[in-house]
Amino acid sequence: EATEHAQAGDRAKGQFLATMSHEVRTPLNGIVGFTNLLLDTTLTAEQREYVQTIRISTEALIQLTGDILDFARIESGKVKLEPAPCDPRDCIEDSLDLLAAKAAEKGLELLHHAAPEVPAAIVVDGGRLRQVLVNLIGNAIKFTERGEVEVTVALAPGDASPPRAAGPGAGGPPQVSLIFTVRDSGIGIPAEHHQKLFRAFTQIDDSTTRRYGGTGLGLAICRNLVGLMGGKISLSSQPGEGSTFTFSLRVPV
């Protein structure tokens, strides 16, 4: 009875977070829209600075509510994958395009490479794959002051050759294991903090939160989405030597 009561409370919490996050995001979108319109009008330098601050703050709130909504939906089991054919190269390039302006502001170089053996079409939820990549690339840019951020995709070592088409009775399309990596030349992360980074609402320490911002939900969402797609995510990092996030997916070709 106590277990059922606790589970009901968890469901109610998840439903409340999902509903409230959605409702809060609606007026925030209105604020951003009209702020952008206001920036197109004649303003003094001081007024323009104030309006830009409003826009940046509101966009941060939209990101926060979006993360809470995604996390609540994943935790309540309401996220349904929608697999469809897509090119993993396009997913990477689209994700980099979304964040190119932020990288340019910091003078960072964005690099990407897809091994020639990687298939041109895989069956995966492309939207969720891009969401994971955008989260990881965004984090890499946030914690890198100079240097570069690189995204790669390659076949897993056991899949060194391209899969052959499935023959009669082969039981479905061939599959490959893809390894995605997001590497940066940023501040790096001490080994003792690696595992806890994938927990919800976790930052390395309070000073990191104050300096860089964020809710600590991004990596928890990445871990859950990669898990939903049947993969695993890991981290390799040392302080001052940058970080490399790696996740693998087994996908039909």
C-alpha atoms as a PDB file:
ATOM      1  CA  GLU A   1       0.000   0.000   0.000  1.00  0.00           C
ATOM      2  CA  ALA A   2       2.867   2.359   0.855  1.00  0.00           C
ATOM      3  CA  THR A   3       4.558   1.534  -2.468  1.00  0.00           C
ATOM      4  CA  GLU A   4       1.363   2.250  -4.407  1.00  0.00           C
ATOM      5  CA  HIS A   5       0.957   5.527  -2.524  1.00  0.00           C
ATOM      6  CA  ALA A   6       4.544   6.555  -3.373  1.00  0.00           C
ATOM      7  CA  GLN A   7       4.118   5.606  -7.034  1.00  0.00           C
ATOM      8  CA  ALA A   8       0.895   7.616  -7.237  1.00  0.00           C
ATOM      9  CA  GLY A   9       2.738  10.595  -5.765  1.00  0.00           C
ATOM     10  CA  ASP A  10       5.508  10.242  -8.365  1.00  0.00           C
ATOM     11  CA  ARG A  11       2.945  10.107 -11.182  1.00  0.00           C
ATOM     12  CA  ALA A  12       1.181  13.190  -9.842  1.00  0.00           C
ATOM     13  CA  LYS A  13       4.501  15.050  -9.560  1.00  0.00           C
ATOM     14  CA  GLY A  14       5.453  14.144 -13.129  1.00  0.00           C
ATOM     15  CA  GLN A  15       2.057  15.166 -14.486  1.00  0.00           C
ATOM     16  CA  PHE A  16       2.205  18.462 -12.568  1.00  0.00           C
ATOM     17  CA  LEU A  17       5.706  19.274 -13.872  1.00  0.00           C
ATOM     18  CA  ALA A  18       4.777  18.412 -17.453  1.00  0.00           C
ATOM     19  CA  THR A  19       1.569  20.486 -17.339  1.00  0.00           C
ATOM     20  CA  MET A  20       3.117  23.492 -15.636  1.00  0.00           C
ATOM     21  CA  SER A  21       6.210  23.495 -17.865  1.00  0.00           C
ATOM     22  CA  HIS A  22       3.987  23.546 -20.956  1.00  0.00           C
ATOM     23  CA  GLU A  23       1.762  26.319 -19.587  1.00  0.00           C
ATOM     24  CA  VAL A  24       4.718  28.465 -18.489  1.00  0.00           C
ATOM     25  CA  ARG A  25       6.411  28.143 -21.871  1.00  0.00           C
ATOM     26  CA  THR A  26       3.436  29.672 -23.715  1.00  0.00           C
ATOM     27  CA  PRO A  27       3.675  33.194 -22.214  1.00  0.00           C
ATOM     28  CA  LEU A  28       7.473  33.046 -22.350  1.00  0.00           C
ATOM     29  CA  ASN A  29       7.315  32.525 -26.117  1.00  0.00           C
ATOM     30  CA  GLY A  30       5.114  35.636 -26.307  1.00  0.00           C
ATOM     31  CA  ILE A  31       7.663  37.663 -24.340  1.00  0.00           C
ATOM     32  CA  VAL A  32      10.507  36.575 -26.643  1.00  0.00           C
ATOM     33  CA  GLY A  33       8.446  37.313 -29.758  1.00  0.00           C
ATOM     34  CA  PHE A  34       7.467  40.819 -28.743  1.00  0.00           C
ATOM     35  CA  THR A  35      10.953  41.528 -27.397  1.00  0.00           C
ATOM     36  CA  ASN A  36      12.367  40.726 -30.843  1.00  0.00           C
ATOM     37  CA  LEU A  37       9.776  43.050 -32.411  1.00  0.00           C
ATOM     38  CA  LEU A  38      10.742  45.770 -29.946  1.00  0.00           C
ATOM     39  CA  LEU A  39      14.412  45.364 -30.928  1.00  0.00           C
ATOM     40  CA  ASP A  40      13.425  46.194 -34.516  1.00  0.00           C
ATOM     41  CA  THR A  41      12.140  49.616 -33.451  1.00  0.00           C
ATOM     42  CA  THR A  42      14.089  52.805 -32.768  1.00  0.00           C
ATOM     43  CA  LEU A  43      15.647  52.552 -29.299  1.00  0.00           C
ATOM     44  CA  THR A  44      18.372  54.347 -27.432  1.00  0.00           C
ATOM     45  CA  ALA A  45      21.544  52.377 -26.708  1.00  0.00           C
ATOM     46  CA  GLU A  46      20.504  52.030 -23.052  1.00  0.00           C
ATOM     47  CA  GLN A  47      17.003  50.810 -23.949  1.00  0.00           C
ATOM     48  CA  ARG A  48      18.406  48.307 -26.460  1.00  0.00           C
ATOM     49  CA  GLU A  49      20.727  46.893 -23.808  1.00  0.00           C
ATOM     50  CA  TYR A  50      17.813  46.440 -21.394  1.00  0.00           C
ATOM     51  CA  VAL A  51      15.614  44.750 -24.031  1.00  0.00           C
ATOM     52  CA  GLN A  52      18.415  42.392 -25.059  1.00  0.00           C
ATOM     53  CA  THR A  53      18.836  41.398 -21.411  1.00  0.00           C
ATOM     54  CA  ILE A  54      15.103  40.645 -21.221  1.00  0.00           C
ATOM     55  CA  ARG A  55      15.355  38.486 -24.363  1.00  0.00           C
ATOM     56  CA  ILE A  56      18.404  36.534 -23.130  1.00  0.00           C
ATOM     57  CA  SER A  57      16.809  35.950 -19.720  1.00  0.00           C
ATOM     58  CA  THR A  58      13.540  34.780 -21.265  1.00  0.00           C
ATOM     59  CA  GLU A  59      15.319  32.406 -23.637  1.00  0.00           C
ATOM     60  CA  ALA A  60      17.118  30.916 -20.611  1.00  0.00           C
ATOM     61  CA  LEU A  61      13.733  30.397 -18.918  1.00  0.00           C
ATOM     62  CA  ILE A  62      12.364  28.694 -22.044  1.00  0.00           C
ATOM     63  CA  GLN A  63      15.361  26.342 -22.038  1.00  0.00           C
ATOM     64  CA  LEU A  64      14.795  25.616 -18.342  1.00  0.00           C
ATOM     65  CA  THR A  65      11.093  24.823 -18.754  1.00  0.00           C
ATOM     66  CA  GLY A  66      11.858  22.722 -21.831  1.00  0.00           C
ATOM     67  CA  ASP A  67      14.377  20.662 -19.840  1.00  0.00           C
ATOM     68  CA  ILE A  68      11.897  20.189 -16.983  1.00  0.00           C
ATOM     69  CA  LEU A  69       9.164  19.151 -19.420  1.00  0.00           C
ATOM     70  CA  ASP A  70      11.433  16.641 -21.176  1.00  0.00           C
ATOM     71  CA  PHE A  71      12.700  15.234 -17.892  1.00  0.00           C
ATOM     72  CA  ALA A  72       9.180  14.865 -16.475  1.00  0.00           C
ATOM     73  CA  ARG A  73       7.926  13.136 -19.640  1.00  0.00           C
ATOM     74  CA  ILE A  74      10.881  10.733 -19.689  1.00  0.00           C
ATOM     75  CA  GLU A  75      10.523   9.932 -15.988  1.00  0.00           C
ATOM     76  CA  SER A  76       6.788   9.262 -16.395  1.00  0.00           C
ATOM     77  CA  GLY A  77       7.413   6.982 -19.399  1.00  0.00           C
ATOM     78  CA  LYS A  78       5.444   9.193 -21.791  1.00  0.00           C
ATOM     79  CA  VAL A  79       8.212   9.692 -24.353  1.00  0.00           C
ATOM     80  CA  LYS A  80       7.548   7.594 -27.448  1.00  0.00           C
ATOM     81  CA  LEU A  81      10.278   7.174 -30.022  1.00  0.00           C
ATOM     82  CA  GLU A  82       9.423   7.737 -33.680  1.00  0.00           C
ATOM     83  CA  PRO A  83      12.041   5.842 -35.710  1.00  0.00           C
ATOM     84  CA  ALA A  84      12.382   6.838 -39.364  1.00  0.00           C
ATOM     85  CA  PRO A  85      15.144   6.758 -41.993  1.00  0.00           C
ATOM     86  CA  CYS A  86      17.673   9.574 -41.592  1.00  0.00           C
ATOM     87  CA  ASP A  87      21.295  10.366 -42.400  1.00  0.00           C
ATOM     88  CA  PRO A  88      23.448  10.590 -39.232  1.00  0.00           C
ATOM     89  CA  ARG A  89      25.640  13.152 -41.025  1.00  0.00           C
ATOM     90  CA  ASP A  90      22.623  15.447 -41.432  1.00  0.00           C
ATOM     91  CA  CYS A  91      21.792  15.061 -37.727  1.00  0.00           C
ATOM     92  CA  ILE A  92      25.294  16.169 -36.757  1.00  0.00           C
ATOM     93  CA  GLU A  93      25.375  19.084 -39.218  1.00  0.00           C
ATOM     94  CA  ASP A  94      21.908  20.293 -38.166  1.00  0.00           C
ATOM     95  CA  SER A  95      22.960  20.211 -34.504  1.00  0.00           C
ATOM     96  CA  LEU A  96      26.138  22.170 -35.214  1.00  0.00           C
ATOM     97  CA  ASP A  97      24.206  24.736 -37.281  1.00  0.00           C
ATOM     98  CA  LEU A  98      21.952  25.451 -34.297  1.00  0.00           C
ATOM     99  CA  LEU A  99      24.948  26.250 -32.092  1.00  0.00           C
ATOM    100  CA  ALA A 100      27.326  27.829 -34.602  1.00  0.00           C
ATOM    101  CA  ALA A 101      26.505  31.374 -33.464  1.00  0.00           C
ATOM    102  CA  LYS A 102      27.307  30.594 -29.805  1.00  0.00           C
ATOM    103  CA  ALA A 103      30.615  29.013 -30.814  1.00  0.00           C
ATOM    104  CA  ALA A 104      31.457  32.010 -32.994  1.00  0.00           C
ATOM    105  CA  GLU A 105      30.822  34.412 -30.101  1.00  0.00           C
ATOM    106  CA  LYS A 106      33.542  32.620 -28.116  1.00  0.00           C
ATOM    107  CA  GLY A 107      35.880  32.175 -31.099  1.00  0.00           C
ATOM    108  CA  LEU A 108      35.632  28.377 -30.940  1.00  0.00           C
ATOM    109  CA  GLU A 109      36.190  26.120 -33.932  1.00  0.00           C
ATOM    110  CA  LEU A 110      33.469  23.554 -34.652  1.00  0.00           C
ATOM    111  CA  LEU A 111      34.693  20.356 -36.296  1.00  0.00           C
ATOM    112  CA  HIS A 112      32.879  17.225 -37.418  1.00  0.00           C
ATOM    113  CA  HIS A 113      33.802  13.990 -39.134  1.00  0.00           C
ATOM    114  CA  ALA A 114      31.838  10.935 -40.243  1.00  0.00           C
ATOM    115  CA  ALA A 115      33.756   7.784 -41.107  1.00  0.00           C
ATOM    116  CA  PRO A 116      33.146   6.737 -44.740  1.00  0.00           C
ATOM    117  CA  GLU A 117      31.808   3.359 -43.569  1.00  0.00           C
ATOM    118  CA  VAL A 118      28.914   5.001 -41.699  1.00  0.00           C
ATOM    119  CA  PRO A 119      25.661   4.258 -43.613  1.00  0.00           C
ATOM    120  CA  ALA A 120      23.915   7.148 -45.342  1.00  0.00           C
ATOM    121  CA  ALA A 121      20.539   6.039 -43.961  1.00  0.00           C
ATOM    122  CA  ILE A 122      19.751   4.528 -40.559  1.00  0.00           C
ATOM    123  CA  VAL A 123      16.427   3.999 -38.804  1.00  0.00           C
ATOM    124  CA  VAL A 124      16.326   6.064 -35.613  1.00  0.00           C
ATOM    125  CA  ASP A 125      14.312   8.851 -34.000  1.00  0.00           C
ATOM    126  CA  GLY A 126      16.241  11.680 -35.674  1.00  0.00           C
ATOM    127  CA  GLY A 127      14.658  14.355 -33.486  1.00  0.00           C
ATOM    128  CA  ARG A 128      15.797  12.660 -30.275  1.00  0.00           C
ATOM    129  CA  LEU A 129      19.248  11.966 -31.716  1.00  0.00           C
ATOM    130  CA  ARG A 130      19.613  15.661 -32.550  1.00  0.00           C
ATOM    131  CA  GLN A 131      18.379  16.571 -29.052  1.00  0.00           C
ATOM    132  CA  VAL A 132      21.156  14.484 -27.478  1.00  0.00           C
ATOM    133  CA  LEU A 133      23.769  15.970 -29.816  1.00  0.00           C
ATOM    134  CA  VAL A 134      22.573  19.557 -29.213  1.00  0.00           C
ATOM    135  CA  ASN A 135      22.714  19.027 -25.435  1.00  0.00           C
ATOM    136  CA  LEU A 136      26.241  17.591 -25.563  1.00  0.00           C
ATOM    137  CA  ILE A 137      27.562  20.166 -28.059  1.00  0.00           C
ATOM    138  CA  GLY A 138      25.925  23.000 -26.108  1.00  0.00           C
ATOM    139  CA  ASN A 139      27.607  21.809 -22.914  1.00  0.00           C
ATOM    140  CA  ALA A 140      30.947  21.535 -24.694  1.00  0.00           C
ATOM    141  CA  ILE A 141      30.669  25.120 -25.953  1.00  0.00           C
ATOM    142  CA  LYS A 142      29.551  26.385 -22.533  1.00  0.00           C
ATOM    143  CA  PHE A 143      32.560  24.908 -20.716  1.00  0.00           C
ATOM    144  CA  THR A 144      35.183  25.722 -23.375  1.00  0.00           C
ATOM    145  CA  GLU A 145      36.813  29.147 -23.398  1.00  0.00           C
ATOM    146  CA  ARG A 146      39.240  28.569 -26.271  1.00  0.00           C
ATOM    147  CA  GLY A 147      40.059  25.870 -28.786  1.00  0.00           C
ATOM    148  CA  GLU A 148      37.581  23.582 -30.456  1.00  0.00           C
ATOM    149  CA  VAL A 149      34.586  21.272 -30.212  1.00  0.00           C
ATOM    150  CA  GLU A 150      34.575  18.177 -32.411  1.00  0.00           C
ATOM    151  CA  VAL A 151      31.736  15.750 -33.206  1.00  0.00           C
ATOM    152  CA  THR A 152      32.413  12.397 -34.842  1.00  0.00           C
ATOM    153  CA  VAL A 153      30.494   9.275 -35.788  1.00  0.00           C
ATOM    154  CA  ALA A 154      32.034   5.927 -36.707  1.00  0.00           C
ATOM    155  CA  LEU A 155      31.212   2.250 -36.776  1.00  0.00           C
ATOM    156  CA  ALA A 156      31.934   0.297 -33.616  1.00  0.00           C
ATOM    157  CA  PRO A 157      35.137  -1.804 -33.855  1.00  0.00           C
ATOM    158  CA  GLY A 158      33.094  -4.990 -34.293  1.00  0.00           C
ATOM    159  CA  ASP A 159      31.311  -3.501 -37.304  1.00  0.00           C
ATOM    160  CA  ALA A 160      34.376  -2.629 -39.326  1.00  0.00           C
ATOM    161  CA  SER A 161      32.762  -3.501 -42.654  1.00  0.00           C
ATOM    162  CA  PRO A 162      29.416  -2.272 -44.033  1.00  0.00           C
ATOM    163  CA  PRO A 163      26.477  -4.649 -43.408  1.00  0.00           C
ATOM    164  CA  ARG A 164      25.161  -6.723 -46.252  1.00  0.00           C
ATOM    165  CA  ALA A 165      21.520  -6.636 -47.254  1.00  0.00           C
ATOM    166  CA  ALA A 166      19.469  -9.173 -45.391  1.00  0.00           C
ATOM    167  CA  GLY A 167      18.634 -12.212 -47.506  1.00  0.00           C
ATOM    168  CA  PRO A 168      15.521 -14.411 -47.404  1.00  0.00           C
ATOM    169  CA  GLY A 169      14.812 -15.553 -43.884  1.00  0.00           C
ATOM    170  CA  ALA A 170      17.459 -13.281 -42.418  1.00  0.00           C
ATOM    171  CA  GLY A 171      14.947 -11.824 -39.955  1.00  0.00           C
ATOM    172  CA  GLY A 172      14.825  -8.143 -40.790  1.00  0.00           C
ATOM    173  CA  PRO A 173      17.185  -5.442 -42.018  1.00  0.00           C
ATOM    174  CA  PRO A 174      20.901  -5.521 -41.163  1.00  0.00           C
ATOM    175  CA  GLN A 175      22.052  -3.503 -38.166  1.00  0.00           C
ATOM    176  CA  VAL A 176      25.198  -1.614 -37.214  1.00  0.00           C
ATOM    177  CA  SER A 177      26.549  -0.133 -33.989  1.00  0.00           C
ATOM    178  CA  LEU A 178      27.426   3.552 -34.314  1.00  0.00           C
ATOM    179  CA  ILE A 179      29.719   5.417 -31.923  1.00  0.00           C
ATOM    180  CA  PHE A 180      29.071   9.157 -31.560  1.00  0.00           C
ATOM    181  CA  THR A 181      31.607  11.333 -29.743  1.00  0.00           C
ATOM    182  CA  VAL A 182      31.558  14.992 -28.686  1.00  0.00           C
ATOM    183  CA  ARG A 183      35.019  16.229 -27.691  1.00  0.00           C
ATOM    184  CA  ASP A 184      36.011  19.653 -26.362  1.00  0.00           C
ATOM    185  CA  SER A 185      39.151  21.427 -25.176  1.00  0.00           C
ATOM    186  CA  GLY A 186      37.407  22.881 -22.143  1.00  0.00           C
ATOM    187  CA  ILE A 187      37.894  22.895 -18.392  1.00  0.00           C
ATOM    188  CA  GLY A 188      37.635  19.120 -17.946  1.00  0.00           C
ATOM    189  CA  ILE A 189      35.992  17.190 -15.119  1.00  0.00           C
ATOM    190  CA  PRO A 190      37.647  15.350 -12.189  1.00  0.00           C
ATOM    191  CA  ALA A 191      37.180  11.567 -12.290  1.00  0.00           C
ATOM    192  CA  GLU A 192      35.290  11.483  -8.974  1.00  0.00           C
ATOM    193  CA  HIS A 193      32.504  13.596 -10.502  1.00  0.00           C
ATOM    194  CA  HIS A 194      31.975  11.614 -13.725  1.00  0.00           C
ATOM    195  CA  GLN A 195      29.114   9.381 -12.601  1.00  0.00           C
ATOM    196  CA  LYS A 196      27.146  11.978 -10.667  1.00  0.00           C
ATOM    197  CA  LEU A 197      27.024  14.300 -13.689  1.00  0.00           C
ATOM    198  CA  PHE A 198      24.394  12.031 -15.259  1.00  0.00           C
ATOM    199  CA  ARG A 199      22.078  12.443 -12.258  1.00  0.00           C
ATOM    200  CA  ALA A 200      19.266  14.985 -12.403  1.00  0.00           C
ATOM    201  CA  PHE A 201      19.861  18.512 -11.040  1.00  0.00           C
ATOM    202  CA  THR A 202      23.580  17.843 -10.559  1.00  0.00           C
ATOM    203  CA  GLN A 203      26.470  20.242 -11.088  1.00  0.00           C
ATOM    204  CA  ILE A 204      30.115  19.686 -10.186  1.00  0.00           C
ATOM    205  CA  ASP A 205      29.910  22.372  -7.489  1.00  0.00           C
ATOM    206  CA  ASP A 206      28.155  25.613  -6.653  1.00  0.00           C
ATOM    207  CA  SER A 207      30.848  27.752  -8.253  1.00  0.00           C
ATOM    208  CA  THR A 208      30.277  25.986 -11.584  1.00  0.00           C
ATOM    209  CA  THR A 209      26.564  26.728 -11.353  1.00  0.00           C
ATOM    210  CA  ARG A 210      27.186  30.406 -10.601  1.00  0.00           C
ATOM    211  CA  ARG A 211      29.745  30.857 -13.382  1.00  0.00           C
ATOM    212  CA  TYR A 212      28.192  28.813 -16.184  1.00  0.00           C
ATOM    213  CA  GLY A 213      24.514  28.517 -15.248  1.00  0.00           C
ATOM    214  CA  GLY A 214      22.275  25.584 -16.135  1.00  0.00           C
ATOM    215  CA  THR A 215      19.959  23.256 -14.266  1.00  0.00           C
ATOM    216  CA  GLY A 216      21.973  20.041 -14.285  1.00  0.00           C
ATOM    217  CA  LEU A 217      19.213  18.324 -16.296  1.00  0.00           C
ATOM    218  CA  GLY A 218      20.868  18.193 -19.716  1.00  0.00           C
ATOM    219  CA  LEU A 219      23.079  15.153 -19.155  1.00  0.00           C
ATOM    220  CA  ALA A 220      20.333  13.288 -17.270  1.00  0.00           C
ATOM    221  CA  ILE A 221      18.053  13.829 -20.276  1.00  0.00           C
ATOM    222  CA  CYS A 222      20.830  12.634 -22.627  1.00  0.00           C
ATOM    223  CA  ARG A 223      21.382   9.506 -20.565  1.00  0.00           C
ATOM    224  CA  ASN A 224      17.663   8.696 -20.516  1.00  0.00           C
ATOM    225  CA  LEU A 225      17.139   9.362 -24.241  1.00  0.00           C
ATOM    226  CA  VAL A 226      20.172   7.288 -25.226  1.00  0.00           C
ATOM    227  CA  GLY A 227      18.868   4.524 -22.959  1.00  0.00           C
ATOM    228  CA  LEU A 228      15.431   4.699 -24.617  1.00  0.00           C
ATOM    229  CA  MET A 229      17.149   4.253 -27.984  1.00  0.00           C
ATOM    230  CA  GLY A 230      18.937   1.162 -26.639  1.00  0.00           C
ATOM    231  CA  GLY A 231      22.370   2.719 -26.175  1.00  0.00           C
ATOM    232  CA  LYS A 232      24.784   3.799 -23.451  1.00  0.00           C
ATOM    233  CA  ILE A 233      26.614   7.058 -22.774  1.00  0.00           C
ATOM    234  CA  SER A 234      29.975   7.541 -21.077  1.00  0.00           C
ATOM    235  CA  LEU A 235      32.493  10.262 -20.271  1.00  0.00           C
ATOM    236  CA  SER A 236      36.279  10.526 -20.478  1.00  0.00           C
ATOM    237  CA  SER A 237      37.792  13.659 -18.968  1.00  0.00           C
ATOM    238  CA  GLN A 238      40.592  15.146 -16.906  1.00  0.00           C
ATOM    239  CA  PRO A 239      40.750  18.653 -15.398  1.00  0.00           C
ATOM    240  CA  GLY A 240      42.369  21.079 -17.820  1.00  0.00           C
ATOM    241  CA  GLU A 241      42.417  18.523 -20.662  1.00  0.00           C
ATOM    242  CA  GLY A 242      38.868  18.793 -21.982  1.00  0.00           C
ATOM    243  CA  SER A 243      36.086  16.195 -22.039  1.00  0.00           C
ATOM    244  CA  THR A 244      34.861  13.536 -24.455  1.00  0.00           C
ATOM    245  CA  PHE A 245      31.288  12.250 -24.240  1.00  0.00           C
ATOM    246  CA  THR A 246      30.644   9.010 -26.124  1.00  0.00           C
ATOM    247  CA  PHE A 247      27.387   7.214 -26.812  1.00  0.00           C
ATOM    248  CA  SER A 248      26.633   4.117 -28.862  1.00  0.00           C
ATOM    249  CA  LEU A 249      23.495   3.149 -30.740  1.00  0.00           C
ATOM    250  CA  ARG A 250      22.580  -0.145 -32.410  1.00  0.00           C
ATOM    251  CA  VAL A 251      20.449   0.815 -35.406  1.00  0.00           C
ATOM    252  CA  PRO A 252      18.900  -0.808 -38.502  1.00  0.00           C
ATOM    253  CA  VAL A 253      20.367   0.250 -41.834  1.00  0.00           C
END
